[in-house]
Amino acid sequence: HLFRDPVHGDLPWPGMTVGLTILATWYWCTDQVIVQRSLS
């Protein structure tokens, strides 16, 4: 299951939905490894 307990789950669904989106935005939009390919 994807949605797990919002407080005690090993992957609480609020953190997985919003928190990982924040991390993914950092990586895919600002990390040099990815950006450098867009620049080329």
Full PDB file with SEQRES, HELIX, SHEET, SSBOND, CRYST1, ORIGX, SCALE, CONECT and MASTER records, all heavy atoms in Angstrom:
SEQRES   1 A   40  HIS LEU PHE ARG ASP PRO VAL HIS GLY ASP LEU PRO TRP          
SEQRES   2 A   40  PRO GLY MET THR VAL GLY LEU THR ILE LEU ALA THR TRP          
SEQRES   3 A   40  TYR TRP CYS THR ASP GLN VAL ILE VAL GLN ARG SER LEU          
SEQRES   4 A   40  SER                                                          
HELIX    1 AA1 TRP A   13  PRO A   14  1                                   2    
HELIX    2 AA2 GLY A   15  GLY A   19  3                                   5    
HELIX    3 AA3 LEU A   20  THR A   30  1                                  11    
HELIX    4 AA4 GLN A   32  LEU A   39  1                                   8    
CRYST1    1.000    1.000    1.000  90.00  90.00  90.00 P 1           1          
ORIGX1      1.000000  0.000000  0.000000        0.00000                         
ORIGX2      0.000000  1.000000  0.000000        0.00000                         
ORIGX3      0.000000  0.000000  1.000000        0.00000                         
SCALE1      1.000000  0.000000  0.000000        0.00000                         
SCALE2      0.000000  1.000000  0.000000        0.00000                         
SCALE3      0.000000  0.000000  1.000000        0.00000                         
ATOM      1  N   HIS A   1       0.832  -1.203   0.000  1.00  0.00           N  
ATOM      2  CA  HIS A   1       0.000   0.000   0.000  1.00  0.00           C  
ATOM      3  C   HIS A   1       0.863   1.247   0.000  1.00  0.00           C  
ATOM      4  O   HIS A   1       1.884   1.318   0.677  1.00  0.00           O  
ATOM      5  CB  HIS A   1      -0.936   0.005   1.212  1.00  0.00           C  
ATOM      6  CG  HIS A   1      -1.903  -1.139   1.220  1.00  0.00           C  
ATOM      7  ND1 HIS A   1      -3.051  -1.142   0.474  1.00  0.00           N  
ATOM      8  CD2 HIS A   1      -1.863  -2.328   1.863  1.00  0.00           C  
ATOM      9  CE1 HIS A   1      -3.695  -2.287   0.663  1.00  0.00           C  
ATOM     10  NE2 HIS A   1      -2.999  -3.023   1.501  1.00  0.00           N  
ATOM     11  N   LEU A   2       0.396   2.240  -0.712  1.00  0.00           N  
ATOM     12  CA  LEU A   2       1.120   3.500  -0.816  1.00  0.00           C  
ATOM     13  C   LEU A   2       0.805   4.423   0.351  1.00  0.00           C  
ATOM     14  O   LEU A   2       1.700   4.986   0.960  1.00  0.00           O  
ATOM     15  CB  LEU A   2       0.759   4.190  -2.134  1.00  0.00           C  
ATOM     16  CG  LEU A   2       1.318   5.580  -2.366  1.00  0.00           C  
ATOM     17  CD1 LEU A   2       2.829   5.548  -2.350  1.00  0.00           C  
ATOM     18  CD2 LEU A   2       0.824   6.128  -3.691  1.00  0.00           C  
ATOM     19  N   PHE A   3      -0.459   4.595   0.683  1.00  0.00           N  
ATOM     20  CA  PHE A   3      -0.848   5.482   1.777  1.00  0.00           C  
ATOM     21  C   PHE A   3      -0.743   4.729   3.099  1.00  0.00           C  
ATOM     22  O   PHE A   3      -1.505   3.804   3.355  1.00  0.00           O  
ATOM     23  CB  PHE A   3      -2.270   5.987   1.569  1.00  0.00           C  
ATOM     24  CG  PHE A   3      -2.357   7.138   0.599  1.00  0.00           C  
ATOM     25  CD1 PHE A   3      -1.269   7.497  -0.187  1.00  0.00           C  
ATOM     26  CD2 PHE A   3      -3.521   7.873   0.476  1.00  0.00           C  
ATOM     27  CE1 PHE A   3      -1.340   8.549  -1.077  1.00  0.00           C  
ATOM     28  CE2 PHE A   3      -3.608   8.932  -0.416  1.00  0.00           C  
ATOM     29  CZ  PHE A   3      -2.522   9.265  -1.196  1.00  0.00           C  
ATOM     30  N   ARG A   4       0.183   5.180   3.926  1.00  0.00           N  
ATOM     31  CA  ARG A   4       0.397   4.549   5.221  1.00  0.00           C  
ATOM     32  C   ARG A   4       0.114   5.550   6.328  1.00  0.00           C  
ATOM     33  O   ARG A   4      -0.141   6.717   6.055  1.00  0.00           O  
ATOM     34  CB  ARG A   4       1.822   4.005   5.303  1.00  0.00           C  
ATOM     35  CG  ARG A   4       2.102   3.000   4.200  1.00  0.00           C  
ATOM     36  CD  ARG A   4       3.511   2.442   4.237  1.00  0.00           C  
ATOM     37  NE  ARG A   4       3.723   1.523   3.110  1.00  0.00           N  
ATOM     38  CZ  ARG A   4       4.861   0.903   2.870  1.00  0.00           C  
ATOM     39  NH1 ARG A   4       5.902   1.090   3.663  1.00  0.00           N  
ATOM     40  NH2 ARG A   4       4.971   0.091   1.827  1.00  0.00           N  
ATOM     41  N   ASP A   5       0.169   5.088   7.543  1.00  0.00           N  
ATOM     42  CA  ASP A   5      -0.206   5.918   8.686  1.00  0.00           C  
ATOM     43  C   ASP A   5       0.482   7.273   8.614  1.00  0.00           C  
ATOM     44  O   ASP A   5       1.703   7.352   8.446  1.00  0.00           O  
ATOM     45  CB  ASP A   5       0.169   5.209   9.989  1.00  0.00           C  
ATOM     46  CG  ASP A   5      -0.377   5.927  11.215  1.00  0.00           C  
ATOM     47  OD1 ASP A   5       0.242   6.932  11.639  1.00  0.00           O  
ATOM     48  OD2 ASP A   5      -1.425   5.502  11.725  1.00  0.00           O  
ATOM     49  N   PRO A   6      -0.282   8.385   8.728  1.00  0.00           N  
ATOM     50  CA  PRO A   6       0.307   9.723   8.545  1.00  0.00           C  
ATOM     51  C   PRO A   6       1.280  10.141   9.635  1.00  0.00           C  
ATOM     52  O   PRO A   6       2.013  11.114   9.461  1.00  0.00           O  
ATOM     53  CB  PRO A   6      -0.919  10.642   8.527  1.00  0.00           C  
ATOM     54  CG  PRO A   6      -1.968   9.897   9.270  1.00  0.00           C  
ATOM     55  CD  PRO A   6      -1.733   8.448   8.978  1.00  0.00           C  
ATOM     56  N   VAL A   7       1.304   9.430  10.762  1.00  0.00           N  
ATOM     57  CA  VAL A   7       2.192   9.806  11.868  1.00  0.00           C  
ATOM     58  C   VAL A   7       3.226   8.725  12.148  1.00  0.00           C  
ATOM     59  O   VAL A   7       4.428   8.997  12.227  1.00  0.00           O  
ATOM     60  CB  VAL A   7       1.380  10.109  13.148  1.00  0.00           C  
ATOM     61  CG1 VAL A   7       2.323  10.439  14.306  1.00  0.00           C  
ATOM     62  CG2 VAL A   7       0.396  11.234  12.914  1.00  0.00           C  
ATOM     63  N   HIS A   8       2.766   7.490  12.282  1.00  0.00           N  
ATOM     64  CA  HIS A   8       3.655   6.418  12.724  1.00  0.00           C  
ATOM     65  C   HIS A   8       4.113   5.497  11.598  1.00  0.00           C  
ATOM     66  O   HIS A   8       4.908   4.585  11.849  1.00  0.00           O  
ATOM     67  CB  HIS A   8       2.948   5.583  13.809  1.00  0.00           C  
ATOM     68  CG  HIS A   8       2.498   6.383  14.989  1.00  0.00           C  
ATOM     69  ND1 HIS A   8       3.380   6.996  15.852  1.00  0.00           N  
ATOM     70  CD2 HIS A   8       1.246   6.698  15.429  1.00  0.00           C  
ATOM     71  CE1 HIS A   8       2.695   7.643  16.790  1.00  0.00           C  
ATOM     72  NE2 HIS A   8       1.403   7.485  16.552  1.00  0.00           N  
ATOM     73  N   GLY A   9       3.650   5.712  10.392  1.00  0.00           N  
ATOM     74  CA  GLY A   9       4.056   4.848   9.290  1.00  0.00           C  
ATOM     75  C   GLY A   9       5.516   5.036   8.934  1.00  0.00           C  
ATOM     76  O   GLY A   9       6.108   6.095   9.174  1.00  0.00           O  
ATOM     77  N   ASP A  10       6.136   3.969   8.359  1.00  0.00           N  
ATOM     78  CA  ASP A  10       7.534   4.104   7.945  1.00  0.00           C  
ATOM     79  C   ASP A  10       7.651   5.087   6.782  1.00  0.00           C  
ATOM     80  O   ASP A  10       8.694   5.703   6.569  1.00  0.00           O  
ATOM     81  CB  ASP A  10       8.116   2.744   7.562  1.00  0.00           C  
ATOM     82  CG  ASP A  10       7.423   2.138   6.359  1.00  0.00           C  
ATOM     83  OD1 ASP A  10       6.221   2.412   6.166  1.00  0.00           O  
ATOM     84  OD2 ASP A  10       8.064   1.379   5.616  1.00  0.00           O  
ATOM     85  N   LEU A  11       6.548   5.232   6.035  1.00  0.00           N  
ATOM     86  CA  LEU A  11       6.460   6.233   4.969  1.00  0.00           C  
ATOM     87  C   LEU A  11       5.124   6.954   5.120  1.00  0.00           C  
ATOM     88  O   LEU A  11       4.180   6.656   4.391  1.00  0.00           O  
ATOM     89  CB  LEU A  11       6.548   5.575   3.588  1.00  0.00           C  
ATOM     90  CG  LEU A  11       7.898   5.024   3.192  1.00  0.00           C  
ATOM     91  CD1 LEU A  11       7.783   4.230   1.910  1.00  0.00           C  
ATOM     92  CD2 LEU A  11       8.898   6.147   3.027  1.00  0.00           C  
ATOM     93  N   PRO A  12       5.014   7.880   6.060  1.00  0.00           N  
ATOM     94  CA  PRO A  12       3.731   8.571   6.267  1.00  0.00           C  
ATOM     95  C   PRO A  12       3.303   9.276   4.988  1.00  0.00           C  
ATOM     96  O   PRO A  12       4.099   9.945   4.332  1.00  0.00           O  
ATOM     97  CB  PRO A  12       4.047   9.553   7.392  1.00  0.00           C  
ATOM     98  CG  PRO A  12       5.531   9.730   7.366  1.00  0.00           C  
ATOM     99  CD  PRO A  12       6.090   8.433   6.891  1.00  0.00           C  
ATOM    100  N   TRP A  13       2.026   9.112   4.639  1.00  0.00           N  
ATOM    101  CA  TRP A  13       1.601   9.608   3.325  1.00  0.00           C  
ATOM    102  C   TRP A  13       1.727  11.129   3.162  1.00  0.00           C  
ATOM    103  O   TRP A  13       2.017  11.582   2.060  1.00  0.00           O  
ATOM    104  CB  TRP A  13       0.183   9.119   3.001  1.00  0.00           C  
ATOM    105  CG  TRP A  13      -0.920   9.694   3.843  1.00  0.00           C  
ATOM    106  CD1 TRP A  13      -1.509   9.131   4.929  1.00  0.00           C  
ATOM    107  CD2 TRP A  13      -1.582  10.937   3.629  1.00  0.00           C  
ATOM    108  NE1 TRP A  13      -2.486   9.947   5.432  1.00  0.00           N  
ATOM    109  CE2 TRP A  13      -2.559  11.071   4.647  1.00  0.00           C  
ATOM    110  CE3 TRP A  13      -1.452  11.964   2.698  1.00  0.00           C  
ATOM    111  CZ2 TRP A  13      -3.384  12.178   4.750  1.00  0.00           C  
ATOM    112  CZ3 TRP A  13      -2.271  13.065   2.802  1.00  0.00           C  
ATOM    113  CH2 TRP A  13      -3.229  13.170   3.818  1.00  0.00           C  
ATOM    114  N   PRO A  14       1.554  11.974   4.196  1.00  0.00           N  
ATOM    115  CA  PRO A  14       1.789  13.413   3.953  1.00  0.00           C  
ATOM    116  C   PRO A  14       3.249  13.701   3.603  1.00  0.00           C  
ATOM    117  O   PRO A  14       3.536  14.498   2.700  1.00  0.00           O  
ATOM    118  CB  PRO A  14       1.393  14.075   5.272  1.00  0.00           C  
ATOM    119  CG  PRO A  14       0.513  13.075   5.965  1.00  0.00           C  
ATOM    120  CD  PRO A  14       1.052  11.747   5.567  1.00  0.00           C  
ATOM    121  N   GLY A  15       4.157  13.052   4.305  1.00  0.00           N  
ATOM    122  CA  GLY A  15       5.574  13.265   4.013  1.00  0.00           C  
ATOM    123  C   GLY A  15       5.952  12.724   2.658  1.00  0.00           C  
ATOM    124  O   GLY A  15       6.731  13.330   1.921  1.00  0.00           O  
ATOM    125  N   MET A  16       5.378  11.571   2.301  1.00  0.00           N  
ATOM    126  CA  MET A  16       5.688  10.980   1.018  1.00  0.00           C  
ATOM    127  C   MET A  16       5.126  11.815  -0.132  1.00  0.00           C  
ATOM    128  O   MET A  16       5.756  11.963  -1.179  1.00  0.00           O  
ATOM    129  CB  MET A  16       5.100   9.575   0.961  1.00  0.00           C  
ATOM    130  CG  MET A  16       5.476   8.796  -0.258  1.00  0.00           C  
ATOM    131  SD  MET A  16       4.321   7.466  -0.508  1.00  0.00           S  
ATOM    132  CE  MET A  16       2.810   8.365  -0.704  1.00  0.00           C  
ATOM    133  N   THR A  17       3.935  12.375   0.073  1.00  0.00           N  
ATOM    134  CA  THR A  17       3.291  13.134  -0.995  1.00  0.00           C  
ATOM    135  C   THR A  17       3.903  14.519  -1.155  1.00  0.00           C  
ATOM    136  O   THR A  17       4.208  14.946  -2.272  1.00  0.00           O  
ATOM    137  CB  THR A  17       1.779  13.268  -0.716  1.00  0.00           C  
ATOM    138  OG1 THR A  17       1.225  11.968  -0.538  1.00  0.00           O  
ATOM    139  CG2 THR A  17       1.073  13.966  -1.861  1.00  0.00           C  
ATOM    140  N   VAL A  18       4.088  15.226  -0.051  1.00  0.00           N  
ATOM    141  CA  VAL A  18       4.587  16.603  -0.118  1.00  0.00           C  
ATOM    142  C   VAL A  18       6.098  16.660   0.075  1.00  0.00           C  
ATOM    143  O   VAL A  18       6.814  17.317  -0.682  1.00  0.00           O  
ATOM    144  CB  VAL A  18       3.880  17.489   0.939  1.00  0.00           C  
ATOM    145  CG1 VAL A  18       4.388  18.923   0.859  1.00  0.00           C  
ATOM    146  CG2 VAL A  18       2.366  17.440   0.764  1.00  0.00           C  
ATOM    147  N   GLY A  19       6.586  15.953   1.088  1.00  0.00           N  
ATOM    148  CA  GLY A  19       8.014  16.013   1.393  1.00  0.00           C  
ATOM    149  C   GLY A  19       8.882  15.521   0.252  1.00  0.00           C  
ATOM    150  O   GLY A  19       9.874  16.155  -0.116  1.00  0.00           O  
ATOM    151  N   LEU A  20       8.506  14.392  -0.341  1.00  0.00           N  
ATOM    152  CA  LEU A  20       9.308  13.866  -1.439  1.00  0.00           C  
ATOM    153  C   LEU A  20       9.178  14.711  -2.694  1.00  0.00           C  
ATOM    154  O   LEU A  20      10.083  14.744  -3.524  1.00  0.00           O  
ATOM    155  CB  LEU A  20       8.921  12.422  -1.737  1.00  0.00           C  
ATOM    156  CG  LEU A  20       9.739  11.409  -0.922  1.00  0.00           C  
ATOM    157  CD1 LEU A  20       9.092  10.047  -0.925  1.00  0.00           C  
ATOM    158  CD2 LEU A  20      11.163  11.312  -1.445  1.00  0.00           C  
ATOM    159  N   THR A  21       8.065  15.405  -2.837  1.00  0.00           N  
ATOM    160  CA  THR A  21       7.938  16.340  -3.960  1.00  0.00           C  
ATOM    161  C   THR A  21       8.942  17.483  -3.813  1.00  0.00           C  
ATOM    162  O   THR A  21       9.542  17.935  -4.794  1.00  0.00           O  
ATOM    163  CB  THR A  21       6.512  16.898  -4.044  1.00  0.00           C  
ATOM    164  OG1 THR A  21       5.602  15.816  -4.237  1.00  0.00           O  
ATOM    165  CG2 THR A  21       6.367  17.875  -5.194  1.00  0.00           C  
ATOM    166  N   ILE A  22       9.141  17.940  -2.585  1.00  0.00           N  
ATOM    167  CA  ILE A  22      10.138  18.985  -2.324  1.00  0.00           C  
ATOM    168  C   ILE A  22      11.533  18.490  -2.690  1.00  0.00           C  
ATOM    169  O   ILE A  22      12.316  19.187  -3.353  1.00  0.00           O  
ATOM    170  CB  ILE A  22      10.079  19.417  -0.845  1.00  0.00           C  
ATOM    171  CG1 ILE A  22       8.758  20.130  -0.551  1.00  0.00           C  
ATOM    172  CG2 ILE A  22      11.271  20.306  -0.479  1.00  0.00           C  
ATOM    173  CD1 ILE A  22       8.524  20.426   0.923  1.00  0.00           C  
ATOM    174  N   LEU A  23      11.853  17.262  -2.278  1.00  0.00           N  
ATOM    175  CA  LEU A  23      13.178  16.713  -2.585  1.00  0.00           C  
ATOM    176  C   LEU A  23      13.341  16.479  -4.080  1.00  0.00           C  
ATOM    177  O   LEU A  23      14.410  16.726  -4.646  1.00  0.00           O  
ATOM    178  CB  LEU A  23      13.380  15.397  -1.827  1.00  0.00           C  
ATOM    179  CG  LEU A  23      13.220  15.435  -0.307  1.00  0.00           C  
ATOM    180  CD1 LEU A  23      13.630  14.098   0.298  1.00  0.00           C  
ATOM    181  CD2 LEU A  23      14.031  16.564   0.309  1.00  0.00           C  
ATOM    182  N   ALA A  24      12.282  15.993  -4.720  1.00  0.00           N  
ATOM    183  CA  ALA A  24      12.362  15.742  -6.162  1.00  0.00           C  
ATOM    184  C   ALA A  24      12.523  17.036  -6.941  1.00  0.00           C  
ATOM    185  O   ALA A  24      13.243  17.091  -7.939  1.00  0.00           O  
ATOM    186  CB  ALA A  24      11.109  14.993  -6.633  1.00  0.00           C  
ATOM    187  N   THR A  25      11.863  18.099  -6.485  1.00  0.00           N  
ATOM    188  CA  THR A  25      12.008  19.392  -7.152  1.00  0.00           C  
ATOM    189  C   THR A  25      13.443  19.890  -7.043  1.00  0.00           C  
ATOM    190  O   THR A  25      13.997  20.428  -8.004  1.00  0.00           O  
ATOM    191  CB  THR A  25      11.041  20.418  -6.537  1.00  0.00           C  
ATOM    192  OG1 THR A  25       9.709  19.928  -6.630  1.00  0.00           O  
ATOM    193  CG2 THR A  25      11.134  21.754  -7.268  1.00  0.00           C  
ATOM    194  N   TRP A  26      14.037  19.698  -5.863  1.00  0.00           N  
ATOM    195  CA  TRP A  26      15.445  20.087  -5.714  1.00  0.00           C  
ATOM    196  C   TRP A  26      16.310  19.318  -6.718  1.00  0.00           C  
ATOM    197  O   TRP A  26      17.129  19.914  -7.423  1.00  0.00           O  
ATOM    198  CB  TRP A  26      15.942  19.793  -4.297  1.00  0.00           C  
ATOM    199  CG  TRP A  26      17.441  19.770  -4.217  1.00  0.00           C  
ATOM    200  CD1 TRP A  26      18.281  20.843  -4.201  1.00  0.00           C  
ATOM    201  CD2 TRP A  26      18.284  18.606  -4.209  1.00  0.00           C  
ATOM    202  NE1 TRP A  26      19.599  20.428  -4.174  1.00  0.00           N  
ATOM    203  CE2 TRP A  26      19.627  19.062  -4.174  1.00  0.00           C  
ATOM    204  CE3 TRP A  26      18.033  17.230  -4.212  1.00  0.00           C  
ATOM    205  CZ2 TRP A  26      20.708  18.185  -4.145  1.00  0.00           C  
ATOM    206  CZ3 TRP A  26      19.116  16.357  -4.185  1.00  0.00           C  
ATOM    207  CH2 TRP A  26      20.431  16.830  -4.154  1.00  0.00           C  
ATOM    208  N   TYR A  27      16.126  18.018  -6.791  1.00  0.00           N  
ATOM    209  CA  TYR A  27      17.015  17.212  -7.623  1.00  0.00           C  
ATOM    210  C   TYR A  27      16.790  17.471  -9.106  1.00  0.00           C  
ATOM    211  O   TYR A  27      17.737  17.753  -9.844  1.00  0.00           O  
ATOM    212  CB  TYR A  27      16.798  15.725  -7.325  1.00  0.00           C  
ATOM    213  CG  TYR A  27      17.705  14.833  -8.127  1.00  0.00           C  
ATOM    214  CD1 TYR A  27      19.072  14.771  -7.840  1.00  0.00           C  
ATOM    215  CD2 TYR A  27      17.225  14.064  -9.178  1.00  0.00           C  
ATOM    216  CE1 TYR A  27      19.933  13.975  -8.583  1.00  0.00           C  
ATOM    217  CE2 TYR A  27      18.075  13.258  -9.921  1.00  0.00           C  
ATOM    218  CZ  TYR A  27      19.418  13.215  -9.617  1.00  0.00           C  
ATOM    219  OH  TYR A  27      20.265  12.429 -10.355  1.00  0.00           O  
ATOM    220  N   TRP A  28      15.538  17.412  -9.555  1.00  0.00           N  
ATOM    221  CA  TRP A  28      15.268  17.489 -10.984  1.00  0.00           C  
ATOM    222  C   TRP A  28      15.324  18.902 -11.536  1.00  0.00           C  
ATOM    223  O   TRP A  28      15.427  19.094 -12.750  1.00  0.00           O  
ATOM    224  CB  TRP A  28      13.919  16.854 -11.300  1.00  0.00           C  
ATOM    225  CG  TRP A  28      13.925  15.383 -11.102  1.00  0.00           C  
ATOM    226  CD1 TRP A  28      13.442  14.696 -10.021  1.00  0.00           C  
ATOM    227  CD2 TRP A  28      14.465  14.397 -11.982  1.00  0.00           C  
ATOM    228  NE1 TRP A  28      13.654  13.351 -10.186  1.00  0.00           N  
ATOM    229  CE2 TRP A  28      14.274  13.140 -11.380  1.00  0.00           C  
ATOM    230  CE3 TRP A  28      15.088  14.463 -13.221  1.00  0.00           C  
ATOM    231  CZ2 TRP A  28      14.695  11.961 -11.982  1.00  0.00           C  
ATOM    232  CZ3 TRP A  28      15.499  13.280 -13.822  1.00  0.00           C  
ATOM    233  CH2 TRP A  28      15.295  12.052 -13.205  1.00  0.00           C  
ATOM    234  N   CYS A  29      15.233  19.903 -10.673  1.00  0.00           N  
ATOM    235  CA  CYS A  29      15.204  21.284 -11.167  1.00  0.00           C  
ATOM    236  C   CYS A  29      16.460  22.082 -10.847  1.00  0.00           C  
ATOM    237  O   CYS A  29      16.725  23.078 -11.517  1.00  0.00           O  
ATOM    238  CB  CYS A  29      13.989  22.024 -10.609  1.00  0.00           C  
ATOM    239  SG  CYS A  29      12.421  21.327 -11.121  1.00  0.00           S  
ATOM    240  N   THR A  30      17.212  21.689  -9.820  1.00  0.00           N  
ATOM    241  CA  THR A  30      18.353  22.512  -9.430  1.00  0.00           C  
ATOM    242  C   THR A  30      19.667  21.742  -9.330  1.00  0.00           C  
ATOM    243  O   THR A  30      20.725  22.361  -9.290  1.00  0.00           O  
ATOM    244  CB  THR A  30      18.107  23.201  -8.062  1.00  0.00           C  
ATOM    245  OG1 THR A  30      18.180  22.235  -7.011  1.00  0.00           O  
ATOM    246  CG2 THR A  30      16.745  23.874  -8.038  1.00  0.00           C  
ATOM    247  N   ASP A  31      19.620  20.425  -9.264  1.00  0.00           N  
ATOM    248  CA  ASP A  31      20.863  19.684  -9.110  1.00  0.00           C  
ATOM    249  C   ASP A  31      21.684  19.745 -10.402  1.00  0.00           C  
ATOM    250  O   ASP A  31      21.155  19.548 -11.499  1.00  0.00           O  
ATOM    251  CB  ASP A  31      20.568  18.232  -8.749  1.00  0.00           C  
ATOM    252  CG  ASP A  31      21.827  17.474  -8.408  1.00  0.00           C  
ATOM    253  OD1 ASP A  31      22.350  17.654  -7.304  1.00  0.00           O  
ATOM    254  OD2 ASP A  31      22.310  16.706  -9.274  1.00  0.00           O  
ATOM    255  N   GLN A  32      22.971  19.990 -10.249  1.00  0.00           N  
ATOM    256  CA  GLN A  32      23.831  20.209 -11.418  1.00  0.00           C  
ATOM    257  C   GLN A  32      23.905  18.996 -12.323  1.00  0.00           C  
ATOM    258  O   GLN A  32      24.054  19.118 -13.538  1.00  0.00           O  
ATOM    259  CB  GLN A  32      25.231  20.622 -10.950  1.00  0.00           C  
ATOM    260  CG  GLN A  32      26.215  20.917 -12.054  1.00  0.00           C  
ATOM    261  CD  GLN A  32      25.869  22.165 -12.847  1.00  0.00           C  
ATOM    262  OE1 GLN A  32      24.994  22.919 -12.455  1.00  0.00           O  
ATOM    263  NE2 GLN A  32      26.551  22.379 -13.963  1.00  0.00           N  
ATOM    264  N   VAL A  33      23.804  17.789 -11.763  1.00  0.00           N  
ATOM    265  CA  VAL A  33      23.857  16.584 -12.589  1.00  0.00           C  
ATOM    266  C   VAL A  33      22.752  16.597 -13.642  1.00  0.00           C  
ATOM    267  O   VAL A  33      22.963  16.233 -14.801  1.00  0.00           O  
ATOM    268  CB  VAL A  33      23.736  15.326 -11.703  1.00  0.00           C  
ATOM    269  CG1 VAL A  33      23.611  14.064 -12.551  1.00  0.00           C  
ATOM    270  CG2 VAL A  33      24.945  15.209 -10.781  1.00  0.00           C  
ATOM    271  N   ILE A  34      21.551  17.009 -13.240  1.00  0.00           N  
ATOM    272  CA  ILE A  34      20.419  17.047 -14.159  1.00  0.00           C  
ATOM    273  C   ILE A  34      20.441  18.316 -14.999  1.00  0.00           C  
ATOM    274  O   ILE A  34      20.249  18.279 -16.223  1.00  0.00           O  
ATOM    275  CB  ILE A  34      19.092  16.945 -13.382  1.00  0.00           C  
ATOM    276  CG1 ILE A  34      19.061  15.663 -12.544  1.00  0.00           C  
ATOM    277  CG2 ILE A  34      17.908  17.002 -14.334  1.00  0.00           C  
ATOM    278  CD1 ILE A  34      19.188  14.396 -13.357  1.00  0.00           C  
ATOM    279  N   VAL A  35      20.682  19.446 -14.365  1.00  0.00           N  
ATOM    280  CA  VAL A  35      20.649  20.723 -15.078  1.00  0.00           C  
ATOM    281  C   VAL A  35      21.688  20.757 -16.196  1.00  0.00           C  
ATOM    282  O   VAL A  35      21.428  21.274 -17.288  1.00  0.00           O  
ATOM    283  CB  VAL A  35      20.880  21.891 -14.094  1.00  0.00           C  
ATOM    284  CG1 VAL A  35      21.109  23.198 -14.837  1.00  0.00           C  
ATOM    285  CG2 VAL A  35      19.692  22.026 -13.151  1.00  0.00           C  
ATOM    286  N   GLN A  36      22.861  20.171 -15.953  1.00  0.00           N  
ATOM    287  CA  GLN A  36      23.929  20.224 -16.948  1.00  0.00           C  
ATOM    288  C   GLN A  36      23.506  19.543 -18.252  1.00  0.00           C  
ATOM    289  O   GLN A  36      23.906  19.953 -19.337  1.00  0.00           O  
ATOM    290  CB  GLN A  36      25.188  19.556 -16.392  1.00  0.00           C  
ATOM    291  CG  GLN A  36      26.435  19.846 -17.210  1.00  0.00           C  
ATOM    292  CD  GLN A  36      27.686  19.375 -16.512  1.00  0.00           C  
ATOM    293  OE1 GLN A  36      27.654  18.425 -15.737  1.00  0.00           O  
ATOM    294  NE2 GLN A  36      28.794  20.032 -16.754  1.00  0.00           N  
ATOM    295  N   ARG A  37      22.674  18.528 -18.140  1.00  0.00           N  
ATOM    296  CA  ARG A  37      22.186  17.867 -19.347  1.00  0.00           C  
ATOM    297  C   ARG A  37      21.199  18.749 -20.097  1.00  0.00           C  
ATOM    298  O   ARG A  37      21.182  18.762 -21.335  1.00  0.00           O  
ATOM    299  CB  ARG A  37      21.541  16.535 -18.982  1.00  0.00           C  
ATOM    300  CG  ARG A  37      22.571  15.452 -18.794  1.00  0.00           C  
ATOM    301  CD  ARG A  37      22.138  14.372 -17.841  1.00  0.00           C  
ATOM    302  NE  ARG A  37      23.115  13.302 -17.834  1.00  0.00           N  
ATOM    303  CZ  ARG A  37      24.333  13.393 -17.328  1.00  0.00           C  
ATOM    304  NH1 ARG A  37      24.722  14.532 -16.782  1.00  0.00           N  
ATOM    305  NH2 ARG A  37      25.178  12.381 -17.353  1.00  0.00           N  
ATOM    306  N   SER A  38      20.390  19.481 -19.361  1.00  0.00           N  
ATOM    307  CA  SER A  38      19.473  20.411 -20.018  1.00  0.00           C  
ATOM    308  C   SER A  38      20.243  21.526 -20.714  1.00  0.00           C  
ATOM    309  O   SER A  38      19.864  21.989 -21.791  1.00  0.00           O  
ATOM    310  CB  SER A  38      18.504  21.004 -18.995  1.00  0.00           C  
ATOM    311  OG  SER A  38      17.685  20.004 -18.437  1.00  0.00           O  
ATOM    312  N   LEU A  39      21.329  21.943 -20.101  1.00  0.00           N  
ATOM    313  CA  LEU A  39      22.126  23.014 -20.702  1.00  0.00           C  
ATOM    314  C   LEU A  39      22.775  22.574 -22.007  1.00  0.00           C  
ATOM    315  O   LEU A  39      23.085  23.405 -22.865  1.00  0.00           O  
ATOM    316  CB  LEU A  39      23.247  23.453 -19.733  1.00  0.00           C  
ATOM    317  CG  LEU A  39      22.849  23.862 -18.322  1.00  0.00           C  
ATOM    318  CD1 LEU A  39      24.040  24.472 -17.612  1.00  0.00           C  
ATOM    319  CD2 LEU A  39      21.692  24.814 -18.322  1.00  0.00           C  
ATOM    320  N   SER A  40      22.978  21.271 -22.168  1.00  0.00           N  
ATOM    321  CA  SER A  40      23.652  20.787 -23.371  1.00  0.00           C  
ATOM    322  C   SER A  40      22.675  20.501 -24.511  1.00  0.00           C  
ATOM    323  O   SER A  40      23.104  20.058 -25.587  1.00  0.00           O  
ATOM    324  CB  SER A  40      24.442  19.514 -23.054  1.00  0.00           C  
ATOM    325  OG  SER A  40      23.570  18.465 -22.696  1.00  0.00           O  
TER     326      SER A  40                                                      
MASTER        0    0    0    4    0    0    0    6  325    1    0    4          
END                                                                             
